[in-house]
Amino acid sequence: MKKKLILLSIASFVVGCSSSKSDYHYLAMEDDPQLEFSTDFGDETSLPVDFSLNIDNPEANYCSDFNDIGYYYPESSIFVLAKANLELSAKIPANKPVAIESHYNVGNQASCYAETKQFIAEKGKTYKVNFKLENKYCDLEIIDKETSQPVRVKIKNKCTK
């Protein structure tokens, strides 16, 4: 009995760590802008990157206003308890400021937080939100998929409690 409980606990832990749950809820209209999340680690090993959005009050920049979208992770690994998640996207309100936070954090071993960026998305557009690791520096780029050009962003300070 004790052995079954231990195995059940381990299975619950692994399943809990390997799924991507979203706290983000937005009742979108059909022509609202779409964000498609991705990562680029270059020659480095890819890690799960967590993305969060603040559509409620990005100007105030409160941590509690950010809602988790989930993890983007392009490959499964026996070293990281995360299942591959190749499709991560979200609809956002048009013509309204939206802030995006992104980071990876592998326990106490490694972490990197990109600067939080805010922008205003246009109705009907799709944007690629790409977390990039280059020369041990994390960056978040937001690209208009139609023009393949970066959008104008406002860099935010770290959110406050």
Protein backbone atom coordinates (compact mmCIF):
# COMPACT_ATOMS: atom_id res chain seq x y z
CA MET A 1 0.00 0.00 0.00
CA LYS A 2 2.78 2.40 0.95
CA LYS A 3 4.60 1.62 -2.32
CA LYS A 4 1.43 2.40 -4.33
CA LEU A 5 1.04 5.76 -2.57
CA ILE A 6 4.64 6.68 -3.32
CA LEU A 7 4.27 5.72 -7.00
CA LEU A 8 1.00 7.65 -7.25
CA SER A 9 2.63 10.72 -5.67
CA ILE A 10 5.56 10.57 -8.10
CA ALA A 11 3.20 10.16 -11.08
CA SER A 12 1.13 13.14 -9.93
CA PHE A 13 4.27 15.24 -9.55
CA VAL A 14 5.56 14.37 -13.03
CA VAL A 15 2.18 14.99 -14.68
CA GLY A 16 1.74 18.27 -12.79
CA CYS A 17 5.16 19.50 -13.89
CA SER A 18 4.79 18.46 -17.48
CA SER A 19 1.60 20.24 -18.40
CA SER A 20 1.11 23.84 -19.32
CA LYS A 21 -1.89 25.47 -17.69
CA SER A 22 -3.09 28.92 -18.59
CA ASP A 23 -4.46 31.49 -16.14
CA TYR A 24 -5.20 33.82 -19.05
CA HIS A 25 -8.86 34.35 -19.92
CA TYR A 26 -10.02 36.80 -22.55
CA LEU A 27 -13.30 36.63 -24.45
CA ALA A 28 -11.93 37.46 -27.88
CA MET A 29 -13.66 38.71 -30.98
CA GLU A 30 -12.88 36.97 -34.26
CA ASP A 31 -10.76 39.85 -35.59
CA ASP A 32 -8.81 40.47 -32.37
CA PRO A 33 -5.02 40.26 -32.72
CA GLN A 34 -3.33 36.89 -32.29
CA LEU A 35 -0.02 36.24 -30.54
CA GLU A 36 2.01 33.17 -31.51
CA PHE A 37 4.78 32.32 -29.05
CA SER A 38 8.15 30.80 -29.91
CA THR A 39 11.75 30.55 -28.70
CA ASP A 40 15.21 30.71 -30.23
CA PHE A 41 18.11 29.39 -28.16
CA GLY A 42 20.54 29.27 -31.09
CA ASP A 43 23.02 26.44 -30.55
CA GLU A 44 22.16 26.16 -26.85
CA THR A 45 19.81 23.52 -25.42
CA SER A 46 16.22 24.73 -25.53
CA LEU A 47 14.45 25.19 -22.22
CA PRO A 48 10.75 25.67 -21.42
CA VAL A 49 9.93 29.39 -21.57
CA ASP A 50 6.99 30.75 -19.59
CA PHE A 51 4.95 33.60 -21.09
CA SER A 52 2.54 35.90 -19.21
CA LEU A 53 0.28 38.72 -20.39
CA ASN A 54 -1.12 41.81 -18.72
CA ILE A 55 -4.14 43.18 -20.57
CA ASP A 56 -5.84 44.64 -17.49
CA ASN A 57 -3.56 47.51 -16.52
CA PRO A 58 -0.10 47.36 -18.12
CA GLU A 59 0.68 50.97 -17.21
CA ALA A 60 0.40 50.25 -13.46
CA ASN A 61 2.68 47.22 -13.97
CA TYR A 62 1.47 45.18 -10.98
CA CYS A 63 2.67 41.57 -10.89
CA SER A 64 -0.83 40.44 -9.90
CA ASP A 65 -2.20 41.76 -13.22
CA PHE A 66 -0.07 39.33 -15.26
CA ASN A 67 -1.79 36.10 -16.26
CA ASP A 68 0.19 33.03 -17.23
CA ILE A 69 -0.27 31.87 -20.84
CA GLY A 70 1.84 28.76 -20.39
CA TYR A 71 5.15 27.26 -21.43
CA TYR A 72 6.47 27.07 -24.96
CA TYR A 73 8.85 24.15 -25.28
CA PRO A 74 9.90 22.78 -28.69
CA GLU A 75 11.31 19.44 -27.55
CA SER A 76 10.81 16.78 -24.91
CA SER A 77 13.73 15.94 -22.67
CA ILE A 78 14.50 13.40 -20.00
CA PHE A 79 16.44 16.13 -18.18
CA VAL A 80 13.58 18.63 -17.90
CA LEU A 81 10.17 17.53 -16.63
CA ALA A 82 8.32 19.29 -19.42
CA LYS A 83 6.40 17.81 -22.28
CA ALA A 84 6.97 19.36 -25.71
CA ASN A 85 4.52 22.20 -26.34
CA LEU A 86 4.96 23.50 -29.89
CA GLU A 87 1.78 25.54 -30.17
CA LEU A 88 1.19 28.35 -27.73
CA SER A 89 -0.97 31.28 -28.75
CA ALA A 90 -3.40 33.84 -27.35
CA LYS A 91 -5.85 36.44 -28.58
CA ILE A 92 -5.52 39.94 -27.13
CA PRO A 93 -7.60 43.13 -27.31
CA ALA A 94 -7.00 45.39 -30.30
CA ASN A 95 -5.78 48.98 -29.95
CA LYS A 96 -5.08 48.63 -26.24
CA PRO A 97 -1.71 48.37 -24.41
CA VAL A 98 -0.62 44.80 -23.62
CA ALA A 99 2.48 43.84 -21.59
CA ILE A 100 4.33 40.56 -22.14
CA GLU A 101 6.64 38.92 -19.58
CA SER A 102 8.80 35.91 -20.43
CA HIS A 103 11.46 33.82 -18.72
CA TYR A 104 12.92 30.41 -18.22
CA ASN A 105 13.79 29.08 -14.79
CA VAL A 106 15.31 25.66 -14.21
CA GLY A 107 15.31 25.36 -10.45
CA ASN A 108 18.36 26.94 -8.86
CA GLN A 109 20.56 26.03 -11.81
CA ALA A 110 19.68 28.59 -14.46
CA SER A 111 17.20 31.35 -15.14
CA CYS A 112 16.86 34.27 -17.47
CA TYR A 113 14.19 36.96 -17.58
CA ALA A 114 13.73 39.01 -20.74
CA GLU A 115 12.73 42.65 -20.33
CA THR A 116 8.97 43.02 -20.10
CA LYS A 117 7.65 44.68 -23.24
CA GLN A 118 4.44 46.56 -23.89
CA PHE A 119 2.86 47.30 -27.25
CA ILE A 120 -0.47 48.06 -28.92
CA ALA A 121 -1.70 45.39 -31.32
CA GLU A 122 -3.78 46.20 -34.37
CA LYS A 123 -7.10 44.55 -35.17
CA GLY A 124 -6.84 41.48 -37.40
CA LYS A 125 -3.04 41.15 -37.15
CA THR A 126 -0.91 38.21 -36.02
CA TYR A 127 2.31 38.75 -34.08
CA LYS A 128 5.20 36.39 -33.43
CA VAL A 129 6.41 36.75 -29.84
CA ASN A 130 9.88 35.21 -29.73
CA PHE A 131 12.01 34.67 -26.61
CA LYS A 132 15.62 34.72 -27.76
CA LEU A 133 18.84 33.73 -26.02
CA GLU A 134 21.94 35.26 -27.56
CA ASN A 135 25.37 35.55 -25.90
CA LYS A 136 23.81 34.60 -22.54
CA TYR A 137 21.36 37.54 -22.86
CA CYS A 138 17.60 36.99 -22.99
CA ASP A 139 15.46 39.19 -25.18
CA LEU A 140 11.84 39.26 -26.23
CA GLU A 141 11.05 40.31 -29.78
CA ILE A 142 7.59 41.03 -31.15
CA ILE A 143 7.29 40.74 -34.92
CA ASP A 144 4.35 41.67 -37.16
CA LYS A 145 3.94 38.43 -39.15
CA GLU A 146 2.49 40.24 -42.17
CA THR A 147 5.45 42.60 -42.61
CA SER A 148 8.12 40.51 -40.80
CA GLN A 149 9.13 43.73 -39.03
CA PRO A 150 9.57 44.32 -35.29
CA VAL A 151 6.79 46.36 -33.72
CA ARG A 152 7.41 49.44 -31.63
CA VAL A 153 7.52 48.47 -27.96
CA LYS A 154 7.83 50.17 -24.61
CA ILE A 155 10.28 48.50 -22.22
CA LYS A 156 8.79 48.12 -18.76
CA ASN A 157 10.48 47.91 -15.40
CA LYS A 158 10.10 44.67 -13.49
CA CYS A 159 6.53 44.42 -12.20
CA THR A 160 5.77 45.50 -8.64
CA LYS A 161 3.82 43.63 -6.01
